[in-house]
Amino acid sequence: MKFFIDNWVLFLAAITSGGLLLWPMISRGGGAGRISPAQAVQMINREKAVLIDVSEPDEFAGSHATGSKNVPLGRLEASGDLPKNKTLPLVVVCPSGTRAVRAVATLKKLGFENSHVLAGGLAAWREANLPVEKNA
């Protein structure tokens, strides 16, 4: 017992560092699954994933990933633009990736269990040199 009392700082440091190492796995498990642009392209090509952009219409018109459908976050629950097949994988994107996290939570409540957030959003899509288009 004296050993533990004399070295409590070391035990606290070990527990803290272990928690910090496990935090990314724990936080991913309870939240939305984040995927890289490369993983998103693989899902689109191999599993027929649908790319959903939850940006507002003016943001979407300014720039969006080629082939994405615009379903604004505020209209997600009432939208008829979502796939009828709820087993299809969905890759959700927004300019930075923050709105996409909320959108995936909503989609999962709607029964789209195979929904994923594009980590880094449209910025990461651009950095990966993937096609982006603008509406006139």
N, C-alpha and C. Protein backbone atom coordinates (compact mmCIF):
# COMPACT_ATOMS: atom_id res chain seq x y z
N MET A 1 0.82 -1.19 0.00
CA MET A 1 0.00 0.00 0.00
C MET A 1 0.87 1.26 0.00
N LYS A 2 1.97 1.21 0.73
CA LYS A 2 2.88 2.35 0.79
C LYS A 2 3.41 2.69 -0.59
N PHE A 3 3.64 1.67 -1.42
CA PHE A 3 4.12 1.87 -2.79
C PHE A 3 3.15 2.75 -3.59
N PHE A 4 1.85 2.46 -3.47
CA PHE A 4 0.84 3.24 -4.19
C PHE A 4 0.77 4.68 -3.69
N ILE A 5 0.85 4.85 -2.40
CA ILE A 5 0.79 6.19 -1.81
C ILE A 5 2.02 7.01 -2.21
N ASP A 6 3.19 6.39 -2.20
CA ASP A 6 4.41 7.10 -2.54
C ASP A 6 4.48 7.47 -4.03
N ASN A 7 3.79 6.71 -4.86
CA ASN A 7 3.89 6.92 -6.31
C ASN A 7 2.55 7.31 -6.94
N TRP A 8 1.70 7.97 -6.20
CA TRP A 8 0.37 8.31 -6.71
C TRP A 8 0.44 9.22 -7.94
N VAL A 9 1.44 10.07 -8.02
CA VAL A 9 1.57 10.96 -9.17
C VAL A 9 1.84 10.13 -10.43
N LEU A 10 2.68 9.12 -10.31
CA LEU A 10 2.98 8.27 -11.47
C LEU A 10 1.75 7.49 -11.92
N PHE A 11 0.96 7.01 -10.98
CA PHE A 11 -0.27 6.28 -11.33
C PHE A 11 -1.27 7.22 -12.00
N LEU A 12 -1.38 8.42 -11.48
CA LEU A 12 -2.28 9.40 -12.08
C LEU A 12 -1.85 9.74 -13.51
N ALA A 13 -0.55 9.90 -13.72
CA ALA A 13 -0.03 10.19 -15.07
C ALA A 13 -0.28 9.02 -16.02
N ALA A 14 -0.11 7.81 -15.54
CA ALA A 14 -0.33 6.63 -16.38
C ALA A 14 -1.81 6.50 -16.76
N ILE A 15 -2.69 6.72 -15.82
CA ILE A 15 -4.14 6.64 -16.10
C ILE A 15 -4.56 7.75 -17.07
N THR A 16 -4.04 8.95 -16.85
CA THR A 16 -4.38 10.07 -17.72
C THR A 16 -3.89 9.83 -19.15
N SER A 17 -2.65 9.40 -19.29
CA SER A 17 -2.12 9.18 -20.64
C SER A 17 -2.85 8.02 -21.33
N GLY A 18 -3.21 7.00 -20.59
CA GLY A 18 -3.99 5.91 -21.17
C GLY A 18 -5.35 6.39 -21.63
N GLY A 19 -5.99 7.23 -20.85
CA GLY A 19 -7.28 7.79 -21.24
C GLY A 19 -7.18 8.64 -22.49
N LEU A 20 -6.12 9.43 -22.58
CA LEU A 20 -5.92 10.27 -23.77
C LEU A 20 -5.65 9.43 -25.01
N LEU A 21 -4.97 8.31 -24.85
CA LEU A 21 -4.74 7.43 -25.99
C LEU A 21 -6.02 6.73 -26.44
N LEU A 22 -6.90 6.42 -25.52
CA LEU A 22 -8.15 5.73 -25.86
C LEU A 22 -9.26 6.67 -26.30
N TRP A 23 -9.13 7.97 -26.00
CA TRP A 23 -10.20 8.93 -26.29
C TRP A 23 -10.65 8.92 -27.74
N PRO A 24 -9.78 8.91 -28.73
CA PRO A 24 -10.27 8.92 -30.13
C PRO A 24 -11.15 7.71 -30.45
N MET A 25 -10.82 6.54 -29.95
CA MET A 25 -11.64 5.35 -30.21
C MET A 25 -12.98 5.44 -29.49
N ILE A 26 -12.96 5.96 -28.29
CA ILE A 26 -14.20 6.07 -27.51
C ILE A 26 -15.13 7.10 -28.15
N SER A 27 -14.60 8.25 -28.52
CA SER A 27 -15.44 9.29 -29.09
C SER A 27 -15.98 8.90 -30.45
N ARG A 28 -15.23 8.17 -31.25
CA ARG A 28 -15.72 7.72 -32.55
C ARG A 28 -16.80 6.68 -32.40
N GLY A 29 -16.67 5.83 -31.42
CA GLY A 29 -17.64 4.75 -31.25
C GLY A 29 -19.03 5.25 -30.95
N GLY A 30 -19.18 6.31 -30.18
CA GLY A 30 -20.49 6.81 -29.81
C GLY A 30 -21.04 7.82 -30.80
N GLY A 31 -20.19 8.40 -31.59
CA GLY A 31 -20.64 9.44 -32.51
C GLY A 31 -20.69 8.97 -33.93
N ALA A 32 -20.69 9.92 -34.81
CA ALA A 32 -20.76 9.63 -36.23
C ALA A 32 -19.42 9.09 -36.71
N GLY A 33 -19.47 8.08 -37.58
CA GLY A 33 -18.26 7.54 -38.16
C GLY A 33 -17.68 8.52 -39.16
N ARG A 34 -16.43 8.88 -38.98
CA ARG A 34 -15.77 9.81 -39.89
C ARG A 34 -14.93 9.02 -40.86
N ILE A 35 -15.01 9.41 -42.13
CA ILE A 35 -14.21 8.74 -43.15
C ILE A 35 -13.44 9.78 -43.95
N SER A 36 -12.33 9.37 -44.50
CA SER A 36 -11.49 10.25 -45.31
C SER A 36 -12.08 10.38 -46.71
N PRO A 37 -11.64 11.37 -47.46
CA PRO A 37 -12.10 11.47 -48.84
C PRO A 37 -11.81 10.21 -49.66
N ALA A 38 -10.64 9.60 -49.44
CA ALA A 38 -10.31 8.37 -50.18
C ALA A 38 -11.28 7.24 -49.83
N GLN A 39 -11.62 7.12 -48.55
CA GLN A 39 -12.59 6.11 -48.15
C GLN A 39 -13.96 6.40 -48.73
N ALA A 40 -14.32 7.68 -48.81
CA ALA A 40 -15.60 8.07 -49.39
C ALA A 40 -15.68 7.67 -50.86
N VAL A 41 -14.61 7.91 -51.60
CA VAL A 41 -14.58 7.54 -53.02
C VAL A 41 -14.70 6.03 -53.18
N GLN A 42 -14.03 5.28 -52.31
CA GLN A 42 -14.14 3.81 -52.36
C GLN A 42 -15.58 3.38 -52.10
N MET A 43 -16.22 4.00 -51.13
CA MET A 43 -17.61 3.63 -50.83
C MET A 43 -18.53 3.98 -52.00
N ILE A 44 -18.28 5.12 -52.64
CA ILE A 44 -19.09 5.52 -53.79
C ILE A 44 -18.91 4.53 -54.93
N ASN A 45 -17.67 4.15 -55.20
CA ASN A 45 -17.38 3.24 -56.31
C ASN A 45 -17.77 1.80 -56.04
N ARG A 46 -17.52 1.32 -54.85
CA ARG A 46 -17.74 -0.10 -54.54
C ARG A 46 -19.12 -0.42 -53.99
N GLU A 47 -19.67 0.50 -53.20
CA GLU A 47 -20.93 0.21 -52.51
C GLU A 47 -22.08 1.10 -52.97
N LYS A 48 -21.85 1.89 -54.00
CA LYS A 48 -22.88 2.81 -54.53
C LYS A 48 -23.35 3.81 -53.47
N ALA A 49 -22.42 4.29 -52.65
CA ALA A 49 -22.76 5.27 -51.62
C ALA A 49 -23.25 6.55 -52.27
N VAL A 50 -24.13 7.24 -51.57
CA VAL A 50 -24.70 8.50 -52.05
C VAL A 50 -24.05 9.63 -51.26
N LEU A 51 -23.58 10.64 -51.98
CA LEU A 51 -22.95 11.80 -51.37
C LEU A 51 -24.02 12.86 -51.12
N ILE A 52 -24.25 13.17 -49.84
CA ILE A 52 -25.28 14.14 -49.45
C ILE A 52 -24.59 15.38 -48.89
N ASP A 53 -24.87 16.53 -49.49
CA ASP A 53 -24.31 17.80 -49.04
C ASP A 53 -25.38 18.53 -48.23
N VAL A 54 -25.12 18.80 -46.96
CA VAL A 54 -26.11 19.42 -46.08
C VAL A 54 -25.92 20.93 -45.96
N SER A 55 -25.20 21.51 -46.90
CA SER A 55 -25.01 22.96 -46.95
C SER A 55 -26.31 23.64 -47.34
N GLU A 56 -26.38 24.93 -47.06
CA GLU A 56 -27.52 25.73 -47.51
C GLU A 56 -27.43 25.86 -49.04
N PRO A 57 -28.56 26.09 -49.71
CA PRO A 57 -28.55 26.15 -51.18
C PRO A 57 -27.56 27.15 -51.78
N ASP A 58 -27.38 28.31 -51.15
CA ASP A 58 -26.42 29.29 -51.68
C ASP A 58 -24.99 28.80 -51.54
N GLU A 59 -24.67 28.11 -50.44
CA GLU A 59 -23.33 27.53 -50.26
C GLU A 59 -23.11 26.43 -51.29
N PHE A 60 -24.14 25.60 -51.48
CA PHE A 60 -24.05 24.50 -52.44
C PHE A 60 -23.83 25.03 -53.84
N ALA A 61 -24.53 26.11 -54.21
CA ALA A 61 -24.38 26.71 -55.53
C ALA A 61 -22.97 27.26 -55.73
N GLY A 62 -22.38 27.76 -54.66
CA GLY A 62 -21.03 28.32 -54.74
C GLY A 62 -19.98 27.27 -55.02
N SER A 63 -20.11 26.11 -54.42
CA SER A 63 -19.13 25.05 -54.61
C SER A 63 -19.61 23.79 -53.90
N HIS A 64 -19.50 22.67 -54.58
CA HIS A 64 -19.88 21.39 -53.96
C HIS A 64 -19.15 20.24 -54.65
N ALA A 65 -19.09 19.12 -53.97
CA ALA A 65 -18.46 17.93 -54.54
C ALA A 65 -19.29 17.44 -55.72
N THR A 66 -18.62 17.12 -56.79
CA THR A 66 -19.31 16.64 -57.99
C THR A 66 -20.11 15.38 -57.66
N GLY A 67 -21.36 15.38 -58.08
CA GLY A 67 -22.22 14.23 -57.86
C GLY A 67 -22.99 14.24 -56.56
N SER A 68 -22.79 15.26 -55.74
CA SER A 68 -23.49 15.30 -54.45
C SER A 68 -24.90 15.85 -54.63
N LYS A 69 -25.79 15.40 -53.73
CA LYS A 69 -27.17 15.91 -53.68
C LYS A 69 -27.26 16.93 -52.56
N ASN A 70 -27.93 18.04 -52.83
CA ASN A 70 -28.09 19.06 -51.79
C ASN A 70 -29.36 18.81 -51.01
N VAL A 71 -29.18 18.49 -49.72
CA VAL A 71 -30.30 18.34 -48.79
C VAL A 71 -29.92 19.14 -47.55
N PRO A 72 -30.34 20.42 -47.48
CA PRO A 72 -29.94 21.27 -46.36
C PRO A 72 -30.29 20.65 -45.00
N LEU A 73 -29.43 20.87 -44.03
CA LEU A 73 -29.60 20.29 -42.70
C LEU A 73 -30.97 20.59 -42.12
N GLY A 74 -31.46 21.80 -42.27
CA GLY A 74 -32.75 22.18 -41.71
C GLY A 74 -33.93 21.47 -42.33
N ARG A 75 -33.77 20.96 -43.53
CA ARG A 75 -34.86 20.28 -44.24
C ARG A 75 -34.64 18.78 -44.37
N LEU A 76 -33.68 18.27 -43.65
CA LEU A 76 -33.29 16.87 -43.78
C LEU A 76 -34.41 15.91 -43.44
N GLU A 77 -35.10 16.15 -42.34
CA GLU A 77 -36.14 15.22 -41.90
C GLU A 77 -37.33 15.16 -42.84
N ALA A 78 -37.66 16.27 -43.50
CA ALA A 78 -38.83 16.31 -44.37
C ALA A 78 -38.48 16.13 -45.84
N SER A 79 -37.21 15.89 -46.14
CA SER A 79 -36.78 15.84 -47.54
C SER A 79 -37.19 14.55 -48.23
N GLY A 80 -37.59 14.70 -49.48
CA GLY A 80 -37.89 13.54 -50.32
C GLY A 80 -36.71 13.21 -51.21
N ASP A 81 -35.59 13.92 -51.05
CA ASP A 81 -34.41 13.71 -51.88
C ASP A 81 -33.48 12.63 -51.35
N LEU A 82 -33.78 12.10 -50.19
CA LEU A 82 -32.94 11.03 -49.64
C LEU A 82 -33.28 9.71 -50.34
N PRO A 83 -32.32 8.80 -50.42
CA PRO A 83 -32.59 7.52 -51.08
C PRO A 83 -33.71 6.75 -50.37
N LYS A 84 -34.50 6.04 -51.14
CA LYS A 84 -35.58 5.22 -50.57
C LYS A 84 -34.99 4.00 -49.85
N ASN A 85 -33.87 3.49 -50.38
CA ASN A 85 -33.20 2.33 -49.80
C ASN A 85 -32.34 2.80 -48.63
N LYS A 86 -32.79 2.52 -47.42
CA LYS A 86 -32.10 3.01 -46.23
C LYS A 86 -30.84 2.21 -45.89
N THR A 87 -30.57 1.14 -46.63
CA THR A 87 -29.35 0.38 -46.39
C THR A 87 -28.17 0.90 -47.20
N LEU A 88 -28.44 1.77 -48.18
CA LEU A 88 -27.35 2.36 -48.97
C LEU A 88 -26.46 3.20 -48.06
N PRO A 89 -25.16 3.14 -48.26
CA PRO A 89 -24.28 4.01 -47.47
C PRO A 89 -24.46 5.46 -47.90
N LEU A 90 -24.44 6.36 -46.93
CA LEU A 90 -24.51 7.79 -47.19
C LEU A 90 -23.23 8.43 -46.68
N VAL A 91 -22.65 9.30 -47.49
CA VAL A 91 -21.49 10.08 -47.08
C VAL A 91 -21.98 11.52 -47.01
N VAL A 92 -21.94 12.09 -45.82
CA VAL A 92 -22.50 13.42 -45.59
C VAL A 92 -21.37 14.43 -45.53
N VAL A 93 -21.55 15.52 -46.30
CA VAL A 93 -20.51 16.55 -46.40
C VAL A 93 -21.12 17.93 -46.19
N CYS A 94 -20.33 18.81 -45.64
CA CYS A 94 -20.66 20.23 -45.53
C CYS A 94 -19.32 20.97 -45.67
N PRO A 95 -19.30 22.29 -45.69
CA PRO A 95 -18.03 22.98 -45.91
C PRO A 95 -16.90 22.59 -44.95
N SER A 96 -17.20 22.43 -43.67
CA SER A 96 -16.14 22.13 -42.71
C SER A 96 -16.25 20.75 -42.05
N GLY A 97 -17.42 20.14 -42.10
CA GLY A 97 -17.62 18.85 -41.47
C GLY A 97 -18.41 18.92 -40.17
N THR A 98 -18.67 20.13 -39.65
CA THR A 98 -19.37 20.23 -38.36
C THR A 98 -20.87 19.99 -38.49
N ARG A 99 -21.50 20.54 -39.51
CA ARG A 99 -22.93 20.31 -39.72
C ARG A 99 -23.20 18.86 -40.07
N ALA A 100 -22.25 18.25 -40.75
CA ALA A 100 -22.41 16.86 -41.19
C ALA A 100 -22.56 15.92 -39.99
N VAL A 101 -21.91 16.23 -38.89
CA VAL A 101 -22.02 15.39 -37.69
C VAL A 101 -23.47 15.40 -37.19
N ARG A 102 -24.07 16.58 -37.14
CA ARG A 102 -25.48 16.68 -36.71
C ARG A 102 -26.39 15.99 -37.71
N ALA A 103 -26.07 16.13 -38.99
CA ALA A 103 -26.89 15.52 -40.04
C ALA A 103 -26.86 14.00 -39.93
N VAL A 104 -25.70 13.43 -39.66
CA VAL A 104 -25.61 11.97 -39.52
C VAL A 104 -26.43 11.49 -38.34
N ALA A 105 -26.42 12.23 -37.24
CA ALA A 105 -27.24 11.86 -36.09
C ALA A 105 -28.71 11.84 -36.48
N THR A 106 -29.15 12.84 -37.23
CA THR A 106 -30.54 12.90 -37.70
C THR A 106 -30.84 11.75 -38.65
N LEU A 107 -29.92 11.49 -39.57
CA LEU A 107 -30.13 10.41 -40.54
C LEU A 107 -30.24 9.05 -39.85
N LYS A 108 -29.45 8.85 -38.82
CA LYS A 108 -29.53 7.58 -38.09
C LYS A 108 -30.88 7.44 -37.40
N LYS A 109 -31.42 8.55 -36.89
CA LYS A 109 -32.77 8.51 -36.29
C LYS A 109 -33.82 8.18 -37.34
N LEU A 110 -33.56 8.59 -38.59
CA LEU A 110 -34.49 8.33 -39.68
C LEU A 110 -34.34 6.92 -40.26
N GLY A 111 -33.36 6.16 -39.76
CA GLY A 111 -33.18 4.79 -40.21
C GLY A 111 -32.02 4.56 -41.15
N PHE A 112 -31.25 5.60 -41.46
CA PHE A 112 -30.08 5.47 -42.32
C PHE A 112 -28.87 5.16 -41.45
N GLU A 113 -28.76 3.90 -41.04
CA GLU A 113 -27.71 3.49 -40.09
C GLU A 113 -26.31 3.52 -40.70
N ASN A 114 -26.23 3.42 -42.03
CA ASN A 114 -24.94 3.37 -42.70
C ASN A 114 -24.56 4.77 -43.21
N SER A 115 -24.60 5.75 -42.32
CA SER A 115 -24.28 7.14 -42.66
C SER A 115 -22.93 7.51 -42.07
N HIS A 116 -22.14 8.26 -42.84
CA HIS A 116 -20.79 8.62 -42.41
C HIS A 116 -20.52 10.09 -42.70
N VAL A 117 -19.70 10.69 -41.86
CA VAL A 117 -19.28 12.08 -42.03
C VAL A 117 -17.99 12.11 -42.84
N LEU A 118 -17.93 12.98 -43.83
CA LEU A 118 -16.68 13.18 -44.54
C LEU A 118 -15.80 14.05 -43.65
N ALA A 119 -14.77 13.46 -43.08
CA ALA A 119 -13.88 14.18 -42.16
C ALA A 119 -13.22 15.35 -42.88
N GLY A 120 -13.35 16.53 -42.31
CA GLY A 120 -12.75 17.72 -42.90
C GLY A 120 -13.65 18.43 -43.90
N GLY A 121 -14.78 17.82 -44.23
CA GLY A 121 -15.75 18.43 -45.12
C GLY A 121 -15.25 18.67 -46.53
N LEU A 122 -15.85 19.66 -47.16
CA LEU A 122 -15.52 20.00 -48.55
C LEU A 122 -14.06 20.43 -48.68
N ALA A 123 -13.52 21.04 -47.64
CA ALA A 123 -12.11 21.44 -47.67
C ALA A 123 -11.20 20.23 -47.84
N ALA A 124 -11.49 19.15 -47.14
CA ALA A 124 -10.69 17.93 -47.27
C ALA A 124 -10.88 17.30 -48.65
N TRP A 125 -12.11 17.39 -49.18
CA TRP A 125 -12.41 16.88 -50.52
C TRP A 125 -11.53 17.61 -51.55
N ARG A 126 -11.46 18.95 -51.41
CA ARG A 126 -10.62 19.75 -52.32
C ARG A 126 -9.14 19.41 -52.16
N GLU A 127 -8.68 19.28 -50.91
CA GLU A 127 -7.28 18.97 -50.65
C GLU A 127 -6.87 17.64 -51.26
N ALA A 128 -7.83 16.72 -51.37
CA ALA A 128 -7.55 15.42 -51.99
C ALA A 128 -7.64 15.49 -53.51
N ASN A 129 -7.80 16.71 -54.05
CA ASN A 129 -7.90 16.93 -55.49
C ASN A 129 -9.04 16.17 -56.13
N LEU A 130 -10.15 16.09 -55.43
CA LEU A 130 -11.34 15.44 -55.97
C LEU A 130 -12.21 16.51 -56.64
N PRO A 131 -13.03 16.10 -57.62
CA PRO A 131 -13.76 17.09 -58.42
C PRO A 131 -14.79 17.90 -57.63
N VAL A 132 -14.78 19.19 -57.89
CA VAL A 132 -15.72 20.15 -57.29
C VAL A 132 -16.34 20.93 -58.43
N GLU A 133 -17.63 21.23 -58.28
CA GLU A 133 -18.28 22.03 -59.31
C GLU A 133 -19.07 23.17 -58.69
N LYS A 134 -19.41 24.14 -59.53
CA LYS A 134 -20.19 25.29 -59.11
C LYS A 134 -21.42 25.38 -59.99
N ASN A 135 -22.53 25.83 -59.41
CA ASN A 135 -23.73 26.08 -60.20
C ASN A 135 -23.65 27.49 -60.77
N ALA A 136 -24.16 27.65 -61.96
CA ALA A 136 -24.11 28.99 -62.60
C ALA A 136 -25.10 29.94 -61.95
